Amino acid sequence: MPYFTKLLLLIFCLVLLVESRKHRRRRWTSHLDVQRASHIFKKNRDLTKAWKGKTDQLLRVDEHDFTMRPAFGGPAIPVGVDVQVESLDSISEVDMDFTMTLYLRHYWKDERLSFPSTNNKSMTFDGRLVKKIWVPDVFFVHSKRSFIHDTTTDNIMLRVFPDGHVLYSMRVTVTAMCNMDFSHFPLDSQTCSLELESYAYTDEDLMLYWKNGNESLKTDEKISLSQFLIQKFHTTSRLAFYSSTGWYNRLYINFTLRRHIFFFLLQTYFPATLMVMLSWVSFWIDRRAVPARVSLGITTVLTMSTIITGVNASMPRVSYIKAVDIYLWVSFVFVFLSVLEYAAVNYLTTVQERKERKLRERFSCSCGIPHSKTMMLDGNYSESDANSLAGYTRNQMAPEDEKPEKMVVHLAMSNESNSSRKRGLKGHVGLRIIQNTHAIDKYSRLIFPGTYIFFNLIYWSVFS
């Protein structure tokens, strides 16, 4: 029995020894994990926890008066500017303005914001710190509307370097005025400018300049407009003077736009040209077809009036003549003249028929001669009266033994007499056109198209 008791005690002691070793191993492992975790934490510590509530103290914001510019009382502080144009949203001819979205960045040095750093890395902040420090008071000259984007937060970034250099960036959409010249519209090119300037600081306190010259302006390659082709962007700078406050540095973002002409060819020039050509169709219609020629002329005139009204409705009411106005009004004149041409043809035809009717009524008789080919002559007659007797035959004349007081005669015009008459009237072309109404239409078929083609050659050579 004692032997069995000793065996139990030995087993119990062995179990205690094993458990004790396991417990010590767990404690050692836990201690190693804590040390490893502490080492990792020290290596990648969260700086925001280390500087929690001390950003202002680190930048010493409370120790300086940031209502004053850097180096107040000294030379002008240089402020570099660069711009990246994100989009050119719209160009309005009626309002004479444009809308642009851009990233505006400022660079300057403020030694009051310098801070100690072992790795010379910058610190980046959002718009909340901007309200506590000095920033340039740049505004857009001739701006109608502008705003800083605030979705999902204010699109403002402030980056401060250990030596006090500051980068201030914001995303802005601005609508600014653009003085446009429409004298060559729609074959025009427009140059617009977005102007930046300090509102309060003159050139003695703040010097605005393009940070990298022409390289300071960058544009997105995807920028495009429906009516315009963007030819180039470039930067300039100059001084602006105000009589009450002095001289200011002003920066310019210039861009040149050329209008696409194809839209206006389809909507304005082609319809106007077709209406003019349609008015010429009346020259080939019989002059006695009054309803056809009158309705065609009125239709083309009203259509041209509609085209002119539609074009002017989408344009500002400028006091000078535009290139499109010249083309449309000249086309309108051609259409209107085609209506007047038929009015002249119809009037001259009516006058000639009235004269012939009066002449037949005056010299009518019952001699057995056809009424339309009889004329009473008393010895005094004009050349036109003789011409009207051409074509009569001798059997239509009265016998020689019948000699009344006024003899009925017929003058047969020979080929020789016709030739002499033509030579006699060779210099009176205008008279022939008036007497022969067919000739007016005949000459109009050549004069109207030829003159209009000549006008188009001059127009497109001048304005294109």
Protein backbone atom coordinates (compact mmCIF):
# COMPACT_ATOMS: atom_id res chain seq x y z
CA MET A 1 0.00 0.00 0.00
CA PRO A 2 2.74 2.56 0.74
CA TYR A 3 4.26 1.70 -2.59
CA PHE A 4 1.01 2.60 -4.36
CA THR A 5 0.76 5.94 -2.50
CA LYS A 6 4.29 6.86 -3.48
CA LEU A 7 3.49 6.13 -7.12
CA LEU A 8 0.44 8.46 -7.06
CA LEU A 9 2.47 11.25 -5.50
CA LEU A 10 5.13 10.87 -8.18
CA ILE A 11 2.55 11.05 -10.98
CA PHE A 12 0.98 14.15 -9.42
CA CYS A 13 4.31 15.89 -9.19
CA LEU A 14 5.06 15.14 -12.84
CA VAL A 15 1.68 16.59 -13.91
CA LEU A 16 2.34 19.76 -11.89
CA LEU A 17 5.74 20.13 -13.49
CA VAL A 18 4.37 19.78 -17.02
CA GLU A 19 1.57 22.31 -16.40
CA SER A 20 4.02 24.74 -14.87
CA ARG A 21 6.24 24.58 -17.97
CA LYS A 22 3.24 25.10 -20.28
CA HIS A 23 2.14 28.14 -18.31
CA ARG A 24 5.59 29.70 -18.46
CA ARG A 25 5.76 29.04 -22.22
CA ARG A 26 2.41 30.80 -22.74
CA ARG A 27 3.57 33.81 -20.75
CA TRP A 28 6.79 34.00 -22.75
CA THR A 29 4.94 33.73 -26.05
CA SER A 30 2.50 36.45 -25.02
CA HIS A 31 5.38 38.69 -23.98
CA LEU A 32 7.05 38.20 -27.38
CA ASP A 33 3.78 39.06 -29.15
CA VAL A 34 3.45 42.24 -27.13
CA GLN A 35 7.03 43.23 -27.93
CA ARG A 36 6.54 42.47 -31.63
CA ALA A 37 3.30 44.44 -31.72
CA SER A 38 4.98 47.33 -29.92
CA HIS A 39 7.81 47.29 -32.44
CA ILE A 40 5.35 47.33 -35.37
CA PHE A 41 3.39 50.17 -33.76
CA LYS A 42 6.54 52.20 -33.30
CA LYS A 43 7.55 51.58 -36.88
CA ASN A 44 4.15 52.53 -38.40
CA ARG A 45 2.74 54.83 -35.77
CA ASP A 46 -0.24 57.04 -36.66
CA LEU A 47 1.08 60.57 -36.81
CA THR A 48 -2.38 62.00 -36.38
CA LYS A 49 -2.43 60.47 -32.87
CA ALA A 50 0.94 61.90 -32.10
CA TRP A 51 -0.14 65.39 -33.31
CA LYS A 52 -3.76 65.14 -32.25
CA GLY A 53 -4.97 68.63 -31.33
CA LYS A 54 -1.52 70.12 -32.06
CA THR A 55 -1.62 71.00 -35.76
CA ASP A 56 -2.06 74.68 -35.00
CA GLN A 57 0.85 74.51 -32.57
CA LEU A 58 3.01 72.70 -35.13
CA LEU A 59 2.34 75.35 -37.80
CA ARG A 60 2.26 78.07 -35.13
CA VAL A 61 -0.97 79.45 -36.49
CA ASP A 62 -1.89 81.16 -33.23
CA GLU A 63 1.50 82.84 -32.89
CA HIS A 64 1.13 85.04 -36.01
CA ASP A 65 -1.34 87.49 -37.45
CA PHE A 66 -2.37 85.87 -40.71
CA THR A 67 -4.52 88.82 -41.69
CA MET A 68 -1.26 90.35 -42.91
CA ARG A 69 0.51 89.10 -45.99
CA PRO A 70 3.87 87.32 -45.63
CA ALA A 71 6.83 89.69 -45.22
CA PHE A 72 4.49 92.60 -44.59
CA GLY A 73 6.25 95.93 -45.04
CA GLY A 74 8.92 94.38 -47.26
CA PRO A 75 9.05 93.75 -51.00
CA ALA A 76 6.09 92.32 -52.91
CA ILE A 77 5.48 88.65 -52.28
CA PRO A 78 5.67 86.59 -55.51
CA VAL A 79 2.68 84.30 -56.09
CA GLY A 80 3.02 81.81 -58.92
CA VAL A 81 -0.08 80.57 -60.69
CA ASP A 82 -0.79 77.62 -62.94
CA VAL A 83 -4.07 76.41 -64.37
CA GLN A 84 -5.36 73.14 -65.73
CA VAL A 85 -8.53 73.54 -67.81
CA GLU A 86 -10.84 70.61 -67.19
CA SER A 87 -13.65 71.57 -69.57
CA LEU A 88 -14.93 74.40 -71.71
CA ASP A 89 -18.61 73.95 -71.07
CA SER A 90 -20.41 76.40 -73.33
CA ILE A 91 -20.08 79.45 -75.56
CA SER A 92 -23.12 81.74 -75.75
CA GLU A 93 -23.36 84.22 -78.64
CA VAL A 94 -26.56 85.75 -77.30
CA ASP A 95 -25.13 86.50 -73.83
CA MET A 96 -21.57 86.95 -75.15
CA ASP A 97 -19.99 84.78 -72.44
CA PHE A 98 -18.34 81.40 -71.88
CA THR A 99 -18.28 78.88 -69.04
CA MET A 100 -15.09 77.08 -68.01
CA THR A 101 -14.19 74.58 -65.29
CA LEU A 102 -10.56 74.60 -64.17
CA TYR A 103 -8.08 73.71 -61.44
CA LEU A 104 -6.53 76.93 -60.11
CA ARG A 105 -3.27 76.56 -58.18
CA HIS A 106 -1.22 79.16 -56.28
CA TYR A 107 2.38 78.87 -55.10
CA TRP A 108 4.01 81.15 -52.54
CA LYS A 109 6.26 81.05 -49.49
CA ASP A 110 5.13 81.92 -45.98
CA GLU A 111 7.90 81.38 -43.44
CA ARG A 112 5.38 81.64 -40.64
CA LEU A 113 4.11 78.17 -41.66
CA SER A 114 7.52 76.46 -41.63
CA PHE A 115 7.85 73.50 -39.27
CA PRO A 116 10.63 71.10 -38.24
CA SER A 117 10.77 67.84 -40.14
CA THR A 118 13.35 65.07 -40.26
CA ASN A 119 12.18 63.58 -43.56
CA ASN A 120 11.36 66.91 -45.34
CA LYS A 121 7.88 65.72 -46.22
CA SER A 122 4.94 68.04 -46.78
CA MET A 123 1.65 68.06 -44.96
CA THR A 124 -1.68 68.18 -46.82
CA PHE A 125 -4.84 69.75 -45.46
CA ASP A 126 -8.33 70.47 -46.70
CA GLY A 127 -10.27 73.70 -46.78
CA ARG A 128 -10.72 73.97 -43.00
CA LEU A 129 -7.17 75.24 -42.47
CA VAL A 130 -7.47 77.76 -45.31
CA LYS A 131 -9.73 79.94 -43.15
CA LYS A 132 -6.98 80.27 -40.51
CA ILE A 133 -4.04 81.35 -42.68
CA TRP A 134 -3.28 83.96 -45.33
CA VAL A 135 -4.06 83.03 -48.96
CA PRO A 136 -3.93 85.21 -52.12
CA ASP A 137 -7.17 87.08 -52.84
CA VAL A 138 -7.28 86.26 -56.54
CA PHE A 139 -10.57 86.90 -58.36
CA PHE A 140 -11.82 86.60 -61.96
CA VAL A 141 -12.14 89.91 -63.76
CA HIS A 142 -15.35 90.35 -65.85
CA SER A 143 -16.82 87.28 -64.18
CA LYS A 144 -20.60 86.92 -64.22
CA ARG A 145 -20.88 83.81 -62.06
CA SER A 146 -18.34 81.56 -60.36
CA PHE A 147 -18.27 78.98 -57.59
CA ILE A 148 -15.97 76.45 -55.92
CA HIS A 149 -17.23 72.88 -56.19
CA ASP A 150 -18.36 71.44 -52.85
CA THR A 151 -19.36 67.84 -53.67
CA THR A 152 -18.80 65.80 -51.62
CA THR A 153 -16.69 68.33 -49.69
CA ASP A 154 -15.13 71.65 -50.66
CA ASN A 155 -12.74 70.95 -53.53
CA ILE A 156 -9.84 72.77 -51.85
CA MET A 157 -6.40 71.44 -51.11
CA LEU A 158 -3.61 73.06 -49.07
CA ARG A 159 -0.12 71.56 -49.00
CA VAL A 160 2.54 73.00 -46.68
CA PHE A 161 6.26 72.17 -46.93
CA PRO A 162 8.73 72.33 -44.02
CA ASP A 163 10.47 75.41 -45.45
CA GLY A 164 7.21 77.36 -45.61
CA HIS A 165 6.35 76.89 -49.28
CA VAL A 166 2.61 76.55 -49.82
CA LEU A 167 0.54 75.01 -52.61
CA TYR A 168 -3.09 76.12 -52.66
CA SER A 169 -5.39 74.41 -55.18
CA MET A 170 -9.12 74.65 -55.87
CA ARG A 171 -11.62 73.47 -58.49
CA VAL A 172 -13.64 76.36 -59.89
CA THR A 173 -16.35 76.86 -62.50
CA VAL A 174 -16.54 80.40 -63.84
CA THR A 175 -18.77 82.16 -66.38
CA ALA A 176 -16.99 85.19 -67.80
CA MET A 177 -17.71 87.83 -70.40
CA CYS A 178 -16.25 87.54 -73.90
CA ASN A 179 -16.46 90.47 -76.31
CA MET A 180 -17.28 88.83 -79.63
CA ASP A 181 -17.19 90.35 -83.11
CA PHE A 182 -19.88 88.93 -85.42
CA SER A 183 -19.03 90.93 -88.53
CA HIS A 184 -17.83 87.69 -90.20
CA PHE A 185 -20.45 85.38 -88.63
CA PRO A 186 -20.69 82.42 -89.26
CA LEU A 187 -17.25 82.43 -90.92
CA ASP A 188 -15.69 83.98 -87.83
CA SER A 189 -13.03 83.24 -85.23
CA GLN A 190 -13.41 84.40 -81.63
CA THR A 191 -10.71 85.08 -79.03
CA CYS A 192 -11.82 85.01 -75.40
CA SER A 193 -9.86 85.64 -72.21
CA LEU A 194 -10.21 84.63 -68.59
CA GLU A 195 -8.48 87.26 -66.44
CA LEU A 196 -7.07 86.74 -62.93
CA GLU A 197 -6.10 89.54 -60.58
CA SER A 198 -5.61 90.32 -56.89
CA TYR A 199 -8.50 92.29 -55.50
CA ALA A 200 -6.78 94.14 -52.64
CA TYR A 201 -3.00 93.94 -53.15
CA THR A 202 -1.32 96.17 -55.70
CA ASP A 203 1.89 95.26 -57.49
CA GLU A 204 3.81 96.75 -54.55
CA ASP A 205 2.44 94.07 -52.20
CA LEU A 206 1.72 91.05 -54.40
CA MET A 207 3.28 90.03 -57.69
CA LEU A 208 1.20 87.54 -59.69
CA TYR A 209 3.07 85.62 -62.40
CA TRP A 210 2.73 82.47 -64.44
CA LYS A 211 4.81 79.88 -62.62
CA ASN A 212 6.17 78.14 -65.72
CA GLY A 213 5.39 80.58 -68.52
CA ASN A 214 3.23 79.07 -71.27
CA GLU A 215 3.71 75.66 -69.64
CA SER A 216 1.63 76.93 -66.72
CA LEU A 217 -1.54 76.39 -68.75
CA LYS A 218 -2.58 72.81 -69.47
CA THR A 219 -5.76 71.52 -71.03
CA ASP A 220 -7.57 68.24 -71.12
CA GLU A 221 -7.19 66.50 -74.49
CA LYS A 222 -10.89 65.59 -74.48
CA ILE A 223 -12.11 69.19 -74.56
CA SER A 224 -14.41 69.74 -77.56
CA LEU A 225 -17.30 71.98 -78.53
CA SER A 226 -20.18 71.35 -80.92
CA GLN A 227 -19.93 74.61 -82.88
CA PHE A 228 -16.29 75.57 -82.39
CA LEU A 229 -12.84 74.21 -83.04
CA ILE A 230 -10.36 75.13 -80.29
CA GLN A 231 -7.31 76.36 -82.14
CA LYS A 232 -4.97 77.26 -79.26
CA PHE A 233 -4.60 78.20 -75.60
CA HIS A 234 -1.90 80.62 -74.44
CA THR A 235 -1.08 82.85 -71.48
CA THR A 236 -0.18 86.53 -71.18
CA SER A 237 0.24 89.02 -68.35
CA ARG A 238 0.21 92.79 -67.99
CA LEU A 239 -0.47 95.57 -65.52
CA ALA A 240 -3.96 96.96 -64.99
CA PHE A 241 -4.46 100.47 -63.67
CA TYR A 242 -7.33 101.75 -61.55
CA SER A 243 -7.47 105.46 -60.91
CA SER A 244 -8.54 105.06 -57.28
CA THR A 245 -6.30 102.21 -56.11
CA GLY A 246 -3.27 101.89 -58.41
CA TRP A 247 -1.56 99.23 -60.51
CA TYR A 248 -2.31 95.51 -60.31
CA ASN A 249 -0.78 92.43 -61.90
CA ARG A 250 -3.26 90.73 -64.20
CA LEU A 251 -2.94 87.26 -65.76
CA TYR A 252 -4.76 86.23 -68.94
CA ILE A 253 -5.84 82.81 -70.16
CA ASN A 254 -6.45 83.34 -73.89
CA PHE A 255 -8.05 80.81 -76.21
CA THR A 256 -9.00 81.11 -79.88
CA LEU A 257 -12.10 79.41 -81.29
CA ARG A 258 -13.02 78.92 -84.95
CA ARG A 259 -16.64 78.21 -85.80
CA HIS A 260 -17.63 75.08 -87.70
CA ILE A 261 -19.30 76.20 -90.95
CA PHE A 262 -20.93 72.93 -92.00
CA PHE A 263 -23.95 73.39 -89.72
CA PHE A 264 -24.71 76.80 -91.21
CA LEU A 265 -24.19 75.50 -94.74
CA LEU A 266 -26.95 72.96 -94.16
CA GLN A 267 -29.29 75.23 -92.20
CA THR A 268 -28.84 78.61 -93.86
CA TYR A 269 -26.75 78.84 -97.03
CA PHE A 270 -28.09 75.83 -98.94
CA PRO A 271 -31.79 76.63 -98.30
CA ALA A 272 -31.26 80.27 -99.30
CA THR A 273 -29.46 79.25 -102.51
CA LEU A 274 -32.17 76.75 -103.39
CA MET A 275 -34.87 79.38 -102.91
CA VAL A 276 -33.06 81.73 -105.28
CA MET A 277 -32.72 78.97 -107.87
CA LEU A 278 -36.37 78.07 -107.42
CA SER A 279 -37.38 81.66 -108.21
CA TRP A 280 -35.64 81.33 -111.59
CA VAL A 281 -38.06 78.57 -112.62
CA SER A 282 -40.69 81.25 -113.35
CA PHE A 283 -38.58 82.48 -116.30
CA TRP A 284 -39.42 79.22 -118.12
CA ILE A 285 -43.16 79.37 -117.38
CA ASP A 286 -45.51 80.91 -119.95
CA ARG A 287 -46.12 84.57 -119.21
CA ARG A 288 -49.86 84.01 -119.57
CA ALA A 289 -49.81 81.52 -116.63
CA VAL A 290 -50.39 84.24 -114.05
CA PRO A 291 -51.36 82.02 -111.05
CA ALA A 292 -48.35 79.76 -111.47
CA ARG A 293 -45.76 82.53 -111.70
CA VAL A 294 -47.28 84.71 -108.98
CA SER A 295 -47.67 81.88 -106.46
CA LEU A 296 -44.10 80.71 -107.11
CA GLY A 297 -42.71 84.20 -106.55
CA ILE A 298 -44.70 84.79 -103.36
CA THR A 299 -43.68 81.39 -101.95
CA THR A 300 -39.96 82.01 -102.45
CA VAL A 301 -40.20 85.51 -100.94
CA LEU A 302 -41.97 84.25 -97.81
CA THR A 303 -39.52 81.35 -97.43
CA MET A 304 -36.55 83.73 -97.59
CA SER A 305 -38.19 85.94 -94.95
CA THR A 306 -38.59 82.89 -92.68
CA ILE A 307 -34.92 81.93 -93.08
CA ILE A 308 -33.76 85.47 -92.25
CA THR A 309 -36.00 85.62 -89.18
CA GLY A 310 -34.80 82.22 -87.91
CA VAL A 311 -31.13 83.17 -88.19
CA ASN A 312 -31.55 86.52 -86.42
CA ALA A 313 -33.58 84.95 -83.60
CA SER A 314 -30.52 83.02 -82.36
CA MET A 315 -28.13 85.97 -82.60
CA PRO A 316 -27.59 89.06 -80.43
CA ARG A 317 -29.09 92.28 -81.71
CA VAL A 318 -25.88 93.89 -82.86
CA SER A 319 -25.90 97.22 -84.68
CA TYR A 320 -23.61 96.18 -87.53
CA ILE A 321 -24.09 93.92 -90.53
CA LYS A 322 -23.00 90.30 -90.29
CA ALA A 323 -21.66 88.22 -93.15
CA VAL A 324 -24.71 85.97 -93.09
CA ASP A 325 -26.95 89.05 -93.32
CA ILE A 326 -25.23 90.09 -96.54
CA TYR A 327 -25.76 86.68 -98.11
CA LEU A 328 -29.37 86.32 -97.02
CA TRP A 329 -30.44 89.83 -97.99
CA VAL A 330 -28.76 89.64 -101.39
CA SER A 331 -30.54 86.32 -101.94
CA PHE A 332 -33.79 87.97 -100.85
CA VAL A 333 -33.23 90.77 -103.37
CA PHE A 334 -32.71 88.22 -106.16
CA VAL A 335 -35.97 86.46 -105.23
CA PHE A 336 -37.80 89.78 -105.04
CA LEU A 337 -36.42 90.89 -108.40
CA SER A 338 -37.70 87.71 -110.02
CA VAL A 339 -41.20 88.70 -108.86
CA LEU A 340 -40.73 92.21 -110.23
CA GLU A 341 -39.48 90.73 -113.50
CA TYR A 342 -42.77 88.96 -114.06
CA ALA A 343 -44.66 92.09 -113.04
CA ALA A 344 -42.80 93.96 -115.80
CA VAL A 345 -43.48 91.19 -118.33
CA ASN A 346 -47.16 91.09 -117.47
CA TYR A 347 -47.53 94.88 -117.58
CA LEU A 348 -45.76 95.29 -120.94
CA THR A 349 -47.79 92.45 -122.41
CA THR A 350 -51.01 94.09 -121.28
CA VAL A 351 -49.95 97.47 -122.69
CA GLN A 352 -49.04 95.95 -126.07
CA GLU A 353 -52.32 94.04 -126.34
CA ARG A 354 -54.27 97.19 -125.48
CA LYS A 355 -52.49 99.15 -128.21
CA GLU A 356 -53.18 96.45 -130.80
CA ARG A 357 -56.83 96.30 -129.81
CA LYS A 358 -57.24 100.06 -130.12
CA LEU A 359 -55.49 100.01 -133.49
CA ARG A 360 -57.83 97.31 -134.84
CA GLU A 361 -60.86 99.16 -133.57
CA ARG A 362 -59.68 102.40 -135.21
CA PHE A 363 -59.03 101.03 -138.70
CA SER A 364 -61.67 98.31 -138.92
CA CYS A 365 -63.83 98.01 -142.13
CA SER A 366 -66.05 95.53 -143.97
CA CYS A 367 -64.09 95.07 -147.17
CA GLY A 368 -64.01 91.31 -147.06
CA ILE A 369 -60.47 91.45 -145.77
CA PRO A 370 -59.78 89.60 -142.56
CA HIS A 371 -60.24 92.01 -139.66
CA SER A 372 -56.88 91.39 -138.16
CA LYS A 373 -55.01 92.05 -141.41
CA THR A 374 -56.60 95.28 -142.60
CA MET A 375 -55.37 98.81 -142.10
CA MET A 376 -56.64 102.16 -143.45
CA LEU A 377 -53.89 104.48 -144.54
CA ASP A 378 -54.31 108.10 -145.54
CA GLY A 379 -50.77 108.51 -146.73
CA ASN A 380 -49.26 109.22 -143.33
CA TYR A 381 -48.07 106.11 -141.54
CA SER A 382 -45.18 105.16 -139.31
CA GLU A 383 -42.68 102.40 -139.64
CA SER A 384 -44.40 100.41 -136.91
CA ASP A 385 -47.66 100.63 -138.85
CA ALA A 386 -45.89 99.31 -141.92
CA ASN A 387 -44.32 96.49 -139.93
CA SER A 388 -47.73 95.43 -138.69
CA LEU A 389 -48.82 94.82 -142.30
CA ALA A 390 -46.14 92.23 -142.96
CA GLY A 391 -47.56 88.90 -144.13
CA TYR A 392 -50.54 90.22 -146.07
CA THR A 393 -51.15 88.77 -149.55
CA ARG A 394 -52.05 90.77 -152.62
CA ASN A 395 -55.47 89.15 -153.05
CA GLN A 396 -56.43 90.67 -149.72
CA MET A 397 -56.00 94.20 -151.09
CA ALA A 398 -58.73 96.25 -152.75
CA PRO A 399 -58.85 96.52 -156.60
CA GLU A 400 -57.06 99.43 -158.21
CA ASP A 401 -60.24 100.85 -159.82
CA GLU A 402 -61.74 101.23 -156.32
CA LYS A 403 -60.07 104.31 -154.93
CA PRO A 404 -61.91 105.52 -151.90
CA GLU A 405 -60.77 108.55 -149.96
CA LYS A 406 -58.82 106.32 -147.65
CA MET A 407 -57.44 103.43 -149.57
CA VAL A 408 -56.95 100.01 -148.05
CA VAL A 409 -53.45 98.91 -148.84
CA HIS A 410 -51.10 96.10 -147.96
CA LEU A 411 -47.36 96.52 -147.73
CA ALA A 412 -45.63 93.27 -148.41
CA MET A 413 -42.28 93.37 -146.63
CA SER A 414 -39.63 91.68 -148.71
CA ASN A 415 -36.55 90.03 -147.35
CA GLU A 416 -34.55 93.08 -148.35
CA SER A 417 -36.86 95.43 -146.49
CA ASN A 418 -36.72 93.16 -143.43
CA SER A 419 -32.95 93.23 -143.50
CA SER A 420 -32.90 97.01 -143.76
CA ARG A 421 -35.36 97.31 -140.87
CA LYS A 422 -33.20 95.09 -138.68
CA ARG A 423 -30.16 97.18 -139.48
CA GLY A 424 -32.10 100.29 -138.67
CA LEU A 425 -33.12 98.94 -135.26
CA LYS A 426 -29.79 97.39 -134.41
CA GLY A 427 -28.88 100.15 -132.00
CA HIS A 428 -32.19 100.02 -130.16
CA VAL A 429 -31.81 96.77 -128.22
CA GLY A 430 -33.63 98.12 -125.22
CA LEU A 431 -36.61 99.04 -127.37
CA ARG A 432 -36.69 95.56 -128.86
CA ILE A 433 -36.71 93.99 -125.36
CA ILE A 434 -39.63 96.17 -124.30
CA GLN A 435 -41.56 95.44 -127.50
CA ASN A 436 -40.93 91.70 -127.27
CA THR A 437 -41.89 90.47 -123.83
CA HIS A 438 -40.42 87.04 -124.54
CA ALA A 439 -37.00 88.66 -124.66
CA ILE A 440 -37.24 89.81 -121.02
CA ASP A 441 -37.60 86.22 -119.84
CA LYS A 442 -34.92 85.14 -122.28
CA TYR A 443 -32.35 87.62 -120.98
CA SER A 444 -33.37 86.99 -117.36
CA ARG A 445 -32.49 83.30 -117.76
CA LEU A 446 -28.88 84.40 -118.30
CA ILE A 447 -28.54 87.58 -116.26
CA PHE A 448 -29.97 86.30 -112.95
CA PRO A 449 -27.86 83.07 -112.66
CA GLY A 450 -24.72 84.80 -113.93
CA THR A 451 -25.00 87.68 -111.47
CA TYR A 452 -25.74 85.37 -108.54
CA ILE A 453 -22.75 83.15 -109.34
CA PHE A 454 -20.54 86.24 -109.55
CA PHE A 455 -21.83 87.40 -106.15
CA ASN A 456 -21.04 84.00 -104.59
CA LEU A 457 -17.50 84.08 -105.93
CA ILE A 458 -16.88 87.49 -104.39
CA TYR A 459 -18.62 86.57 -101.10
CA TRP A 460 -16.72 83.35 -100.39
CA SER A 461 -13.38 84.83 -101.48
CA VAL A 462 -13.81 87.76 -99.06
CA PHE A 463 -15.22 86.04 -95.98
CA SER A 464 -13.76 82.54 -96.10
